[in-house]
Amino acid sequence: MITYDNIRSGTIQENYGCSVVSVEAIVFVVTTKKGFLAFRVSPDLKNEIQAIADSEARSISQICELLLAEGVQAYKKEGPKFMQRLVAKQKSRIKDS
């Protein structure tokens, strides 16, 4: 059971495998996510990702995580050819615009 005392004593992380982010009175937030990644994208790309997130009733973070995970799996399967194909597509889009 999660109580105020074991939150303060640090046993939450030991017992539940997550760290406490914030504790205020009885309300607290815990996170089980271990990694944090931040990067910049163009406003147009952000708007497109936001539109996907809205239509799927998900957060931008969830959509980005899904897309990145799929990209990593494709790279693991295809190797450098996957990246070469992506770079070629990007160059083609830039050239056409």
PDB file of N, CA and C in Angstrom:
ATOM      1  N   MET A   1       0.840  -1.172   0.000  1.00  0.00           N
ATOM      2  CA  MET A   1       0.000   0.000   0.000  1.00  0.00           C
ATOM      3  C   MET A   1       0.887   1.237   0.000  1.00  0.00           C
ATOM      4  N   ILE A   2       0.490   2.213  -0.797  1.00  0.00           N
ATOM      5  CA  ILE A   2       1.225   3.464  -0.849  1.00  0.00           C
ATOM      6  C   ILE A   2       0.669   4.393   0.218  1.00  0.00           C
ATOM      7  N   THR A   3       1.545   4.833   1.106  1.00  0.00           N
ATOM      8  CA  THR A   3       1.149   5.766   2.157  1.00  0.00           C
ATOM      9  C   THR A   3       2.084   6.976   2.130  1.00  0.00           C
ATOM     10  N   TYR A   4       1.687   8.014   2.826  1.00  0.00           N
ATOM     11  CA  TYR A   4       2.513   9.216   2.900  1.00  0.00           C
ATOM     12  C   TYR A   4       3.874   8.881   3.513  1.00  0.00           C
ATOM     13  N   ASP A   5       3.890   8.018   4.530  1.00  0.00           N
ATOM     14  CA  ASP A   5       5.149   7.667   5.197  1.00  0.00           C
ATOM     15  C   ASP A   5       6.107   6.938   4.266  1.00  0.00           C
ATOM     16  N   ASN A   6       5.609   5.947   3.489  1.00  0.00           N
ATOM     17  CA  ASN A   6       6.564   5.246   2.629  1.00  0.00           C
ATOM     18  C   ASN A   6       6.941   6.053   1.391  1.00  0.00           C
ATOM     19  N   ILE A   7       6.153   7.072   1.060  1.00  0.00           N
ATOM     20  CA  ILE A   7       6.572   7.994   0.005  1.00  0.00           C
ATOM     21  C   ILE A   7       7.777   8.781   0.494  1.00  0.00           C
ATOM     22  N   ARG A   8       7.660   9.330   1.693  1.00  0.00           N
ATOM     23  CA  ARG A   8       8.748  10.142   2.258  1.00  0.00           C
ATOM     24  C   ARG A   8       9.992   9.306   2.549  1.00  0.00           C
ATOM     25  N   SER A   9       9.831   8.057   2.921  1.00  0.00           N
ATOM     26  CA  SER A   9      10.989   7.247   3.289  1.00  0.00           C
ATOM     27  C   SER A   9      11.731   6.682   2.072  1.00  0.00           C
ATOM     28  N   GLY A  10      11.136   6.780   0.881  1.00  0.00           N
ATOM     29  CA  GLY A  10      11.818   6.301  -0.311  1.00  0.00           C
ATOM     30  C   GLY A  10      11.535   4.854  -0.660  1.00  0.00           C
ATOM     31  N   THR A  11      10.627   4.205   0.056  1.00  0.00           N
ATOM     32  CA  THR A  11      10.352   2.796  -0.243  1.00  0.00           C
ATOM     33  C   THR A  11       9.465   2.608  -1.468  1.00  0.00           C
ATOM     34  N   ILE A  12       8.873   3.663  -1.971  1.00  0.00           N
ATOM     35  CA  ILE A  12       8.058   3.549  -3.185  1.00  0.00           C
ATOM     36  C   ILE A  12       8.922   3.047  -4.332  1.00  0.00           C
ATOM     37  N   GLN A  13      10.085   3.657  -4.500  1.00  0.00           N
ATOM     38  CA  GLN A  13      10.960   3.248  -5.594  1.00  0.00           C
ATOM     39  C   GLN A  13      11.409   1.802  -5.398  1.00  0.00           C
ATOM     40  N   GLU A  14      11.744   1.417  -4.190  1.00  0.00           N
ATOM     41  CA  GLU A  14      12.188   0.053  -3.919  1.00  0.00           C
ATOM     42  C   GLU A  14      11.065  -0.960  -4.161  1.00  0.00           C
ATOM     43  N   ASN A  15       9.868  -0.683  -3.680  1.00  0.00           N
ATOM     44  CA  ASN A  15       8.761  -1.638  -3.755  1.00  0.00           C
ATOM     45  C   ASN A  15       8.043  -1.650  -5.090  1.00  0.00           C
ATOM     46  N   TYR A  16       7.954  -0.492  -5.748  1.00  0.00           N
ATOM     47  CA  TYR A  16       7.147  -0.403  -6.962  1.00  0.00           C
ATOM     48  C   TYR A  16       7.967  -0.138  -8.219  1.00  0.00           C
ATOM     49  N   GLY A  17       9.251   0.074  -8.082  1.00  0.00           N
ATOM     50  CA  GLY A  17      10.107   0.284  -9.237  1.00  0.00           C
ATOM     51  C   GLY A  17       9.880   1.589  -9.962  1.00  0.00           C
ATOM     52  N   CYS A  18       9.373   2.584  -9.279  1.00  0.00           N
ATOM     53  CA  CYS A  18       9.168   3.877  -9.905  1.00  0.00           C
ATOM     54  C   CYS A  18       9.582   4.964  -8.934  1.00  0.00           C
ATOM     55  N   SER A  19       9.886   6.122  -9.499  1.00  0.00           N
ATOM     56  CA  SER A  19      10.312   7.220  -8.640  1.00  0.00           C
ATOM     57  C   SER A  19       9.157   8.185  -8.423  1.00  0.00           C
ATOM     58  N   VAL A  20       9.181   8.844  -7.291  1.00  0.00           N
ATOM     59  CA  VAL A  20       8.155   9.825  -6.964  1.00  0.00           C
ATOM     60  C   VAL A  20       8.600  11.157  -7.546  1.00  0.00           C
ATOM     61  N   VAL A  21       7.730  11.763  -8.343  1.00  0.00           N
ATOM     62  CA  VAL A  21       8.042  13.030  -8.972  1.00  0.00           C
ATOM     63  C   VAL A  21       7.635  14.189  -8.084  1.00  0.00           C
ATOM     64  N   SER A  22       6.462  14.096  -7.477  1.00  0.00           N
ATOM     65  CA  SER A  22       5.946  15.199  -6.680  1.00  0.00           C
ATOM     66  C   SER A  22       5.036  14.648  -5.587  1.00  0.00           C
ATOM     67  N   VAL A  23       5.116  15.240  -4.407  1.00  0.00           N
ATOM     68  CA  VAL A  23       4.226  14.862  -3.313  1.00  0.00           C
ATOM     69  C   VAL A  23       3.668  16.141  -2.708  1.00  0.00           C
ATOM     70  N   GLU A  24       2.380  16.257  -2.717  1.00  0.00           N
ATOM     71  CA  GLU A  24       1.708  17.398  -2.097  1.00  0.00           C
ATOM     72  C   GLU A  24       0.538  16.848  -1.301  1.00  0.00           C
ATOM     73  N   ALA A  25       0.624  16.927   0.016  1.00  0.00           N
ATOM     74  CA  ALA A  25      -0.425  16.400   0.903  1.00  0.00           C
ATOM     75  C   ALA A  25      -0.722  14.954   0.528  1.00  0.00           C
ATOM     76  N   ILE A  26      -1.950  14.655   0.154  1.00  0.00           N
ATOM     77  CA  ILE A  26      -2.326  13.289  -0.217  1.00  0.00           C
ATOM     78  C   ILE A  26      -2.150  13.059  -1.716  1.00  0.00           C
ATOM     79  N   VAL A  27      -2.114  14.120  -2.494  1.00  0.00           N
ATOM     80  CA  VAL A  27      -1.996  13.994  -3.946  1.00  0.00           C
ATOM     81  C   VAL A  27      -0.528  13.832  -4.312  1.00  0.00           C
ATOM     82  N   PHE A  28      -0.238  12.819  -5.111  1.00  0.00           N
ATOM     83  CA  PHE A  28       1.132  12.612  -5.552  1.00  0.00           C
ATOM     84  C   PHE A  28       1.144  12.041  -6.949  1.00  0.00           C
ATOM     85  N   VAL A  29       2.269  12.188  -7.620  1.00  0.00           N
ATOM     86  CA  VAL A  29       2.429  11.689  -8.975  1.00  0.00           C
ATOM     87  C   VAL A  29       3.639  10.771  -8.986  1.00  0.00           C
ATOM     88  N   VAL A  30       3.479   9.603  -9.575  1.00  0.00           N
ATOM     89  CA  VAL A  30       4.615   8.705  -9.748  1.00  0.00           C
ATOM     90  C   VAL A  30       4.783   8.433 -11.231  1.00  0.00           C
ATOM     91  N   THR A  31       5.977   8.131 -11.606  1.00  0.00           N
ATOM     92  CA  THR A  31       6.247   7.822 -13.000  1.00  0.00           C
ATOM     93  C   THR A  31       7.046   6.532 -13.100  1.00  0.00           C
ATOM     94  N   THR A  32       6.701   5.716 -14.072  1.00  0.00           N
ATOM     95  CA  THR A  32       7.467   4.492 -14.315  1.00  0.00           C
ATOM     96  C   THR A  32       8.323   4.633 -15.555  1.00  0.00           C
ATOM     97  N   LYS A  33       8.176   5.716 -16.280  1.00  0.00           N
ATOM     98  CA  LYS A  33       9.005   5.953 -17.450  1.00  0.00           C
ATOM     99  C   LYS A  33      10.415   6.268 -16.979  1.00  0.00           C
ATOM    100  N   LYS A  34      11.374   5.693 -17.635  1.00  0.00           N
ATOM    101  CA  LYS A  34      12.758   5.881 -17.215  1.00  0.00           C
ATOM    102  C   LYS A  34      13.513   6.876 -18.087  1.00  0.00           C
ATOM    103  N   GLY A  35      13.126   7.017 -19.347  1.00  0.00           N
ATOM    104  CA  GLY A  35      13.890   7.863 -20.246  1.00  0.00           C
ATOM    105  C   GLY A  35      13.162   9.133 -20.619  1.00  0.00           C
ATOM    106  N   PHE A  36      13.924  10.145 -20.959  1.00  0.00           N
ATOM    107  CA  PHE A  36      13.380  11.411 -21.411  1.00  0.00           C
ATOM    108  C   PHE A  36      14.171  11.818 -22.637  1.00  0.00           C
ATOM    109  N   LEU A  37      13.477  12.217 -23.690  1.00  0.00           N
ATOM    110  CA  LEU A  37      14.125  12.604 -24.931  1.00  0.00           C
ATOM    111  C   LEU A  37      13.454  13.875 -25.431  1.00  0.00           C
ATOM    112  N   ALA A  38      14.231  14.871 -25.774  1.00  0.00           N
ATOM    113  CA  ALA A  38      13.673  16.121 -26.287  1.00  0.00           C
ATOM    114  C   ALA A  38      14.422  16.507 -27.554  1.00  0.00           C
ATOM    115  N   PHE A  39      13.680  16.985 -28.531  1.00  0.00           N
ATOM    116  CA  PHE A  39      14.296  17.458 -29.764  1.00  0.00           C
ATOM    117  C   PHE A  39      13.371  18.459 -30.434  1.00  0.00           C
ATOM    118  N   ARG A  40      13.914  19.235 -31.362  1.00  0.00           N
ATOM    119  CA  ARG A  40      13.133  20.259 -32.049  1.00  0.00           C
ATOM    120  C   ARG A  40      12.593  19.705 -33.369  1.00  0.00           C
ATOM    121  N   VAL A  41      11.387  20.141 -33.725  1.00  0.00           N
ATOM    122  CA  VAL A  41      10.794  19.800 -35.020  1.00  0.00           C
ATOM    123  C   VAL A  41      10.207  21.074 -35.618  1.00  0.00           C
ATOM    124  N   SER A  42       9.956  21.049 -36.897  1.00  0.00           N
ATOM    125  CA  SER A  42       9.364  22.221 -37.550  1.00  0.00           C
ATOM    126  C   SER A  42       7.929  22.407 -37.048  1.00  0.00           C
ATOM    127  N   PRO A  43       7.443  23.630 -37.089  1.00  0.00           N
ATOM    128  CA  PRO A  43       6.049  23.867 -36.675  1.00  0.00           C
ATOM    129  C   PRO A  43       5.047  23.040 -37.498  1.00  0.00           C
ATOM    130  N   ASP A  44       5.318  22.875 -38.791  1.00  0.00           N
ATOM    131  CA  ASP A  44       4.416  22.083 -39.635  1.00  0.00           C
ATOM    132  C   ASP A  44       4.355  20.633 -39.171  1.00  0.00           C
ATOM    133  N   LEU A  45       5.528  20.043 -38.870  1.00  0.00           N
ATOM    134  CA  LEU A  45       5.549  18.659 -38.397  1.00  0.00           C
ATOM    135  C   LEU A  45       4.836  18.540 -37.063  1.00  0.00           C
ATOM    136  N   LYS A  46       5.069  19.502 -36.178  1.00  0.00           N
ATOM    137  CA  LYS A  46       4.387  19.467 -34.879  1.00  0.00           C
ATOM    138  C   LYS A  46       2.873  19.517 -35.060  1.00  0.00           C
ATOM    139  N   ASN A  47       2.412  20.365 -35.960  1.00  0.00           N
ATOM    140  CA  ASN A  47       0.972  20.457 -36.221  1.00  0.00           C
ATOM    141  C   ASN A  47       0.417  19.155 -36.782  1.00  0.00           C
ATOM    142  N   GLU A  48       1.182  18.513 -37.670  1.00  0.00           N
ATOM    143  CA  GLU A  48       0.736  17.235 -38.224  1.00  0.00           C
ATOM    144  C   GLU A  48       0.659  16.158 -37.143  1.00  0.00           C
ATOM    145  N   ILE A  49       1.665  16.133 -36.256  1.00  0.00           N
ATOM    146  CA  ILE A  49       1.656  15.155 -35.159  1.00  0.00           C
ATOM    147  C   ILE A  49       0.498  15.450 -34.210  1.00  0.00           C
ATOM    148  N   GLN A  50       0.246  16.733 -33.944  1.00  0.00           N
ATOM    149  CA  GLN A  50      -0.876  17.107 -33.080  1.00  0.00           C
ATOM    150  C   GLN A  50      -2.199  16.666 -33.688  1.00  0.00           C
ATOM    151  N   ALA A  51      -2.339  16.806 -35.008  1.00  0.00           N
ATOM    152  CA  ALA A  51      -3.565  16.385 -35.687  1.00  0.00           C
ATOM    153  C   ALA A  51      -3.759  14.866 -35.566  1.00  0.00           C
ATOM    154  N   ILE A  52      -2.674  14.115 -35.706  1.00  0.00           N
ATOM    155  CA  ILE A  52      -2.753  12.659 -35.530  1.00  0.00           C
ATOM    156  C   ILE A  52      -3.161  12.333 -34.099  1.00  0.00           C
ATOM    157  N   ALA A  53      -2.516  12.993 -33.148  1.00  0.00           N
ATOM    158  CA  ALA A  53      -2.819  12.748 -31.732  1.00  0.00           C
ATOM    159  C   ALA A  53      -4.288  13.056 -31.437  1.00  0.00           C
ATOM    160  N   ASP A  54      -4.782  14.160 -31.962  1.00  0.00           N
ATOM    161  CA  ASP A  54      -6.178  14.528 -31.744  1.00  0.00           C
ATOM    162  C   ASP A  54      -7.126  13.488 -32.342  1.00  0.00           C
ATOM    163  N   SER A  55      -6.829  13.067 -33.565  1.00  0.00           N
ATOM    164  CA  SER A  55      -7.729  12.113 -34.225  1.00  0.00           C
ATOM    165  C   SER A  55      -7.690  10.732 -33.574  1.00  0.00           C
ATOM    166  N   GLU A  56      -6.593  10.412 -32.910  1.00  0.00           N
ATOM    167  CA  GLU A  56      -6.455   9.120 -32.243  1.00  0.00           C
ATOM    168  C   GLU A  56      -6.763   9.201 -30.746  1.00  0.00           C
ATOM    169  N   ALA A  57      -7.106  10.381 -30.263  1.00  0.00           N
ATOM    170  CA  ALA A  57      -7.381  10.611 -28.838  1.00  0.00           C
ATOM    171  C   ALA A  57      -6.200  10.161 -27.974  1.00  0.00           C
ATOM    172  N   ARG A  58      -5.015  10.567 -28.391  1.00  0.00           N
ATOM    173  CA  ARG A  58      -3.778  10.259 -27.673  1.00  0.00           C
ATOM    174  C   ARG A  58      -2.978  11.543 -27.515  1.00  0.00           C
ATOM    175  N   SER A  59      -1.945  11.468 -26.681  1.00  0.00           N
ATOM    176  CA  SER A  59      -1.077  12.633 -26.509  1.00  0.00           C
ATOM    177  C   SER A  59      -0.002  12.652 -27.599  1.00  0.00           C
ATOM    178  N   ILE A  60       0.590  13.817 -27.782  1.00  0.00           N
ATOM    179  CA  ILE A  60       1.706  13.928 -28.727  1.00  0.00           C
ATOM    180  C   ILE A  60       2.820  12.968 -28.320  1.00  0.00           C
ATOM    181  N   SER A  61       3.095  12.874 -27.032  1.00  0.00           N
ATOM    182  CA  SER A  61       4.146  11.973 -26.554  1.00  0.00           C
ATOM    183  C   SER A  61       3.866  10.523 -26.927  1.00  0.00           C
ATOM    184  N   GLN A  62       2.617  10.108 -26.774  1.00  0.00           N
ATOM    185  CA  GLN A  62       2.267   8.731 -27.119  1.00  0.00           C
ATOM    186  C   GLN A  62       2.445   8.474 -28.612  1.00  0.00           C
ATOM    187  N   ILE A  63       2.022   9.417 -29.438  1.00  0.00           N
ATOM    188  CA  ILE A  63       2.167   9.265 -30.889  1.00  0.00           C
ATOM    189  C   ILE A  63       3.647   9.223 -31.263  1.00  0.00           C
ATOM    190  N   CYS A  64       4.438  10.128 -30.715  1.00  0.00           N
ATOM    191  CA  CYS A  64       5.875  10.150 -31.019  1.00  0.00           C
ATOM    192  C   CYS A  64       6.544   8.853 -30.580  1.00  0.00           C
ATOM    193  N   GLU A  65       6.198   8.361 -29.402  1.00  0.00           N
ATOM    194  CA  GLU A  65       6.791   7.121 -28.927  1.00  0.00           C
ATOM    195  C   GLU A  65       6.442   5.956 -29.848  1.00  0.00           C
ATOM    196  N   LEU A  66       5.183   5.880 -30.285  1.00  0.00           N
ATOM    197  CA  LEU A  66       4.780   4.813 -31.206  1.00  0.00           C
ATOM    198  C   LEU A  66       5.532   4.905 -32.531  1.00  0.00           C
ATOM    199  N   LEU A  67       5.593   6.106 -33.095  1.00  0.00           N
ATOM    200  CA  LEU A  67       6.279   6.270 -34.379  1.00  0.00           C
ATOM    201  C   LEU A  67       7.772   5.982 -34.270  1.00  0.00           C
ATOM    202  N   LEU A  68       8.394   6.457 -33.197  1.00  0.00           N
ATOM    203  CA  LEU A  68       9.818   6.187 -32.998  1.00  0.00           C
ATOM    204  C   LEU A  68      10.092   4.695 -32.793  1.00  0.00           C
ATOM    205  N   ALA A  69       9.248   4.038 -32.009  1.00  0.00           N
ATOM    206  CA  ALA A  69       9.433   2.604 -31.767  1.00  0.00           C
ATOM    207  C   ALA A  69       9.327   1.819 -33.073  1.00  0.00           C
ATOM    208  N   GLU A  70       8.376   2.184 -33.920  1.00  0.00           N
ATOM    209  CA  GLU A  70       8.239   1.510 -35.217  1.00  0.00           C
ATOM    210  C   GLU A  70       9.451   1.772 -36.101  1.00  0.00           C
ATOM    211  N   GLY A  71       9.955   2.998 -36.074  1.00  0.00           N
ATOM    212  CA  GLY A  71      11.153   3.326 -36.841  1.00  0.00           C
ATOM    213  C   GLY A  71      12.372   2.549 -36.381  1.00  0.00           C
ATOM    214  N   VAL A  72      12.520   2.404 -35.081  1.00  0.00           N
ATOM    215  CA  VAL A  72      13.647   1.633 -34.529  1.00  0.00           C
ATOM    216  C   VAL A  72      13.535   0.164 -34.955  1.00  0.00           C
ATOM    217  N   GLN A  73      12.326  -0.384 -34.894  1.00  0.00           N
ATOM    218  CA  GLN A  73      12.137  -1.785 -35.300  1.00  0.00           C
ATOM    219  C   GLN A  73      12.445  -1.961 -36.787  1.00  0.00           C
ATOM    220  N   ALA A  74      12.024  -1.012 -37.614  1.00  0.00           N
ATOM    221  CA  ALA A  74      12.318  -1.084 -39.045  1.00  0.00           C
ATOM    222  C   ALA A  74      13.822  -1.002 -39.286  1.00  0.00           C
ATOM    223  N   TYR A  75      14.503  -0.131 -38.537  1.00  0.00           N
ATOM    224  CA  TYR A  75      15.959  -0.023 -38.682  1.00  0.00           C
ATOM    225  C   TYR A  75      16.644  -1.321 -38.267  1.00  0.00           C
ATOM    226  N   LYS A  76      16.180  -1.918 -37.175  1.00  0.00           N
ATOM    227  CA  LYS A  76      16.765  -3.183 -36.730  1.00  0.00           C
ATOM    228  C   LYS A  76      16.597  -4.264 -37.798  1.00  0.00           C
ATOM    229  N   LYS A  77      15.473  -4.239 -38.480  1.00  0.00           N
ATOM    230  CA  LYS A  77      15.180  -5.243 -39.498  1.00  0.00           C
ATOM    231  C   LYS A  77      15.986  -5.004 -40.779  1.00  0.00           C
ATOM    232  N   GLU A  78      16.033  -3.729 -41.230  1.00  0.00           N
ATOM    233  CA  GLU A  78      16.624  -3.408 -42.525  1.00  0.00           C
ATOM    234  C   GLU A  78      18.032  -2.825 -42.448  1.00  0.00           C
ATOM    235  N   GLY A  79      18.420  -2.333 -41.282  1.00  0.00           N
ATOM    236  CA  GLY A  79      19.750  -1.753 -41.121  1.00  0.00           C
ATOM    237  C   GLY A  79      19.907  -0.424 -41.834  1.00  0.00           C
ATOM    238  N   PRO A  80      21.132  -0.121 -42.275  1.00  0.00           N
ATOM    239  CA  PRO A  80      21.422   1.179 -42.893  1.00  0.00           C
ATOM    240  C   PRO A  80      20.566   1.496 -44.123  1.00  0.00           C
ATOM    241  N   LYS A  81      20.073   0.492 -44.817  1.00  0.00           N
ATOM    242  CA  LYS A  81      19.225   0.739 -45.983  1.00  0.00           C
ATOM    243  C   LYS A  81      17.965   1.516 -45.598  1.00  0.00           C
ATOM    244  N   PHE A  82      17.462   1.252 -44.402  1.00  0.00           N
ATOM    245  CA  PHE A  82      16.281   1.973 -43.919  1.00  0.00           C
ATOM    246  C   PHE A  82      16.578   3.466 -43.832  1.00  0.00           C
ATOM    247  N   MET A  83      17.715   3.825 -43.226  1.00  0.00           N
ATOM    248  CA  MET A  83      18.073   5.237 -43.089  1.00  0.00           C
ATOM    249  C   MET A  83      18.349   5.874 -44.448  1.00  0.00           C
ATOM    250  N   GLN A  84      19.020   5.153 -45.332  1.00  0.00           N
ATOM    251  CA  GLN A  84      19.309   5.681 -46.662  1.00  0.00           C
ATOM    252  C   GLN A  84      18.009   6.018 -47.397  1.00  0.00           C
ATOM    253  N   ARG A  85      17.012   5.135 -47.276  1.00  0.00           N
ATOM    254  CA  ARG A  85      15.726   5.361 -47.912  1.00  0.00           C
ATOM    255  C   ARG A  85      15.029   6.594 -47.320  1.00  0.00           C
ATOM    256  N   LEU A  86      15.078   6.731 -45.994  1.00  0.00           N
ATOM    257  CA  LEU A  86      14.461   7.895 -45.350  1.00  0.00           C
ATOM    258  C   LEU A  86      15.127   9.201 -45.772  1.00  0.00           C
ATOM    259  N   VAL A  87      16.439   9.209 -45.800  1.00  0.00           N
ATOM    260  CA  VAL A  87      17.172  10.420 -46.189  1.00  0.00           C
ATOM    261  C   VAL A  87      16.864  10.766 -47.640  1.00  0.00           C
ATOM    262  N   ALA A  88      16.803   9.768 -48.515  1.00  0.00           N
ATOM    263  CA  ALA A  88      16.482  10.015 -49.922  1.00  0.00           C
ATOM    264  C   ALA A  88      15.080  10.603 -50.064  1.00  0.00           C
ATOM    265  N   LYS A  89      14.113  10.081 -49.290  1.00  0.00           N
ATOM    266  CA  LYS A  89      12.745  10.624 -49.332  1.00  0.00           C
ATOM    267  C   LYS A  89      12.724  12.068 -48.869  1.00  0.00           C
ATOM    268  N   GLN A  90      13.465  12.370 -47.799  1.00  0.00           N
ATOM    269  CA  GLN A  90      13.492  13.732 -47.267  1.00  0.00           C
ATOM    270  C   GLN A  90      14.111  14.685 -48.284  1.00  0.00           C
ATOM    271  N   LYS A  91      15.209  14.272 -48.910  1.00  0.00           N
ATOM    272  CA  LYS A  91      15.860  15.122 -49.913  1.00  0.00           C
ATOM    273  C   LYS A  91      14.924  15.376 -51.091  1.00  0.00           C
ATOM    274  N   SER A  92      14.179  14.357 -51.490  1.00  0.00           N
ATOM    275  CA  SER A  92      13.239  14.490 -52.592  1.00  0.00           C
ATOM    276  C   SER A  92      12.125  15.470 -52.262  1.00  0.00           C
ATOM    277  N   ARG A  93      11.605  15.393 -51.018  1.00  0.00           N
ATOM    278  CA  ARG A  93      10.545  16.316 -50.587  1.00  0.00           C
ATOM    279  C   ARG A  93      11.058  17.753 -50.568  1.00  0.00           C
ATOM    280  N   ILE A  94      12.275  17.958 -50.090  1.00  0.00           N
ATOM    281  CA  ILE A  94      12.852  19.304 -50.016  1.00  0.00           C
ATOM    282  C   ILE A  94      13.071  19.851 -51.429  1.00  0.00           C
ATOM    283  N   LYS A  95      13.570  18.994 -52.312  1.00  0.00           N
ATOM    284  CA  LYS A  95      13.837  19.385 -53.687  1.00  0.00           C
ATOM    285  C   LYS A  95      12.555  19.773 -54.416  1.00  0.00           C
ATOM    286  N   ASP A  96      11.465  19.035 -54.159  1.00  0.00           N
ATOM    287  CA  ASP A  96      10.181  19.279 -54.835  1.00  0.00           C
ATOM    288  C   ASP A  96       9.457  20.517 -54.308  1.00  0.00           C
ATOM    289  N   SER A  97       9.806  20.957 -53.118  1.00  0.00           N
ATOM    290  CA  SER A  97       9.058  22.107 -52.558  1.00  0.00           C
ATOM    291  C   SER A  97       9.677  23.433 -52.875  1.00  0.00           C
TER     292      SER A  97
END
